[in-house]
Every structure is written in structure tokens, then in C-alpha cells.
Amino acid sequence: MLLIFSPAEDDARLADFDTRLQALACDVDNRDLAVYRLVGSGTVPDKDPRRAYGIDADDFVVILIGKDGGEKHRAEGSADPQEVLGIIDAMPMRQAEAVDDRPCR
């Protein structure tokens, strides 16, 4: 799971990350990666993901959560989707799944 925290929909860092992530859509699908965008400060009472992950309202942060529920990578201020995919690829579970990937590009 990939959590993308952004202070606003028009944040340039979010636009940049979204554009680069879209270019890797096939690779994201091959990794069975769920992507969640948490934009602004709107929260559900008692379920504030910003507080749970220690994210300030003005921060742009990308967090990779493993299938075990643990935080595997955190990028603050800017993030590279290709780096995130590389981290996923290094995980043992992913290496076992990779044989079923469909060709990209």
C-alpha cells in the first residue's frame, strides 16, 4: 500500500509524483500496489491517518506500507516512484510474485 499525504490538491509535489506514478501504471499494477491519496486536512473522527503517521498538515509525505502492515519506506518533501518500486522489488515476497508479471510498455 502506498499512502500519499499532500496538503492540497494543487500542490506541485503531488502533481509531479502523480505524473511520474502514472507513467509507471503497468509496473504499479504488476506489484498489486494500492495507492491512497490523502489530500488536505479532512479527517474522520478517531481515524486521523496524519496523526497516526506523524504527518503535519503542510507536509508532503509518501509512505510505503508492506503486506505485513509495517512501514517500509518514507519519503518527505519529494518522492521518486521508481525508488518505491525498487524497494518493493527487493522484498522477498515480491521476488516470489514477480514470475507472474505481465510485460510493461
Protein backbone atom coordinates (compact mmCIF):
# COMPACT_ATOMS: atom_id res chain seq x y z
CA MET A 1 0.00 0.00 0.00
CA LEU A 2 1.24 3.46 -0.86
CA LEU A 3 -0.02 6.43 1.16
CA ILE A 4 0.45 9.86 -0.40
CA PHE A 5 -0.11 12.75 2.01
CA SER A 6 -0.43 16.21 0.46
CA PRO A 7 -1.55 19.50 1.99
CA ALA A 8 -3.61 20.44 -1.10
CA GLU A 9 -4.80 19.07 -4.42
CA ASP A 10 -2.86 21.79 -6.27
CA ASP A 11 0.45 21.05 -4.51
CA ALA A 12 3.22 20.87 -7.13
CA ARG A 13 4.89 17.92 -5.36
CA LEU A 14 1.66 15.93 -5.61
CA ALA A 15 1.26 16.77 -9.30
CA ASP A 16 4.86 15.74 -10.01
CA PHE A 17 4.55 12.48 -8.09
CA ASP A 18 1.19 11.66 -9.71
CA THR A 19 2.59 12.27 -13.20
CA ARG A 20 5.61 10.03 -12.61
CA LEU A 21 3.49 7.35 -10.93
CA GLN A 22 1.00 7.37 -13.85
CA ALA A 23 3.90 6.71 -16.23
CA LEU A 24 4.58 3.53 -14.24
CA ALA A 25 0.94 2.36 -14.11
CA CYS A 26 1.67 -1.11 -15.51
CA ASP A 27 4.54 -1.59 -13.04
CA VAL A 28 2.28 -0.47 -10.17
CA ASP A 29 -0.39 -2.96 -11.28
CA ASN A 30 2.16 -5.78 -11.50
CA ARG A 31 3.09 -5.16 -7.88
CA ASP A 32 -0.54 -5.21 -6.72
CA LEU A 33 0.10 -1.82 -5.14
CA ALA A 34 -2.91 0.01 -3.71
CA VAL A 35 -2.38 3.79 -3.84
CA TYR A 36 -4.22 6.14 -1.49
CA ARG A 37 -4.09 9.93 -1.78
CA LEU A 38 -4.78 11.75 1.49
CA VAL A 39 -5.16 15.38 0.47
CA GLY A 40 -5.86 18.27 2.81
CA SER A 41 -6.57 18.01 6.48
CA GLY A 42 -10.05 16.48 6.40
CA THR A 43 -10.23 13.53 8.74
CA VAL A 44 -12.69 11.06 10.16
CA PRO A 45 -13.01 11.37 13.95
CA ASP A 46 -10.75 8.88 15.77
CA LYS A 47 -9.19 7.83 12.45
CA ASP A 48 -6.73 10.56 11.61
CA PRO A 49 -4.05 8.99 9.39
CA ARG A 50 -1.94 12.18 9.57
CA ARG A 51 -1.73 11.85 13.33
CA ALA A 52 -1.19 8.08 13.16
CA TYR A 53 1.86 8.55 10.90
CA GLY A 54 3.10 11.82 12.43
CA ILE A 55 2.40 13.98 9.37
CA ASP A 56 1.91 17.75 9.75
CA ALA A 57 -0.86 19.44 7.74
CA ASP A 58 1.64 21.19 5.42
CA ASP A 59 3.82 18.13 4.77
CA PHE A 60 4.09 16.15 1.55
CA VAL A 61 4.96 12.59 2.53
CA VAL A 62 4.85 9.25 0.73
CA ILE A 63 4.78 6.11 2.89
CA LEU A 64 5.11 2.54 1.66
CA ILE A 65 3.29 0.02 3.85
CA GLY A 66 4.18 -3.64 3.44
CA LYS A 67 1.72 -6.51 3.26
CA ASP A 68 2.58 -7.19 6.90
CA GLY A 69 1.24 -3.73 7.80
CA GLY A 70 4.65 -2.29 8.69
CA GLU A 71 6.10 0.93 7.35
CA LYS A 72 8.79 0.01 4.80
CA HIS A 73 9.79 3.41 3.40
CA ARG A 74 9.05 7.08 4.00
CA ALA A 75 9.91 9.97 1.69
CA GLU A 76 9.32 13.52 2.91
CA GLY A 77 9.23 16.65 0.75
CA SER A 78 9.66 14.80 -2.53
CA ALA A 79 9.48 11.20 -3.63
CA ASP A 80 10.53 9.07 -6.56
CA PRO A 81 8.02 6.40 -7.60
CA GLN A 82 10.81 4.42 -9.27
CA GLU A 83 12.64 4.24 -5.92
CA VAL A 84 9.47 2.97 -4.24
CA LEU A 85 9.11 0.23 -6.86
CA GLY A 86 12.77 -0.71 -6.33
CA ILE A 87 12.17 -1.10 -2.60
CA ILE A 88 9.18 -3.31 -3.30
CA ASP A 89 11.20 -5.41 -5.75
CA ALA A 90 13.84 -6.07 -3.08
CA MET A 91 11.26 -7.62 -0.75
CA PRO A 92 11.28 -11.44 -0.62
CA MET A 93 7.52 -11.75 -1.11
CA ARG A 94 7.69 -9.61 -4.24
CA GLN A 95 10.51 -11.69 -5.72
CA ALA A 96 8.30 -14.78 -5.47
CA GLU A 97 5.40 -12.95 -7.15
CA ALA A 98 7.44 -11.41 -9.98
CA VAL A 99 7.23 -14.51 -12.15
CA ASP A 100 3.58 -13.67 -12.88
CA ASP A 101 4.23 -10.10 -14.09
CA ARG A 102 2.75 -9.06 -17.39
CA PRO A 103 5.06 -7.21 -19.79
CA CYS A 104 5.03 -3.43 -19.48
CA ARG A 105 5.50 -0.78 -22.16
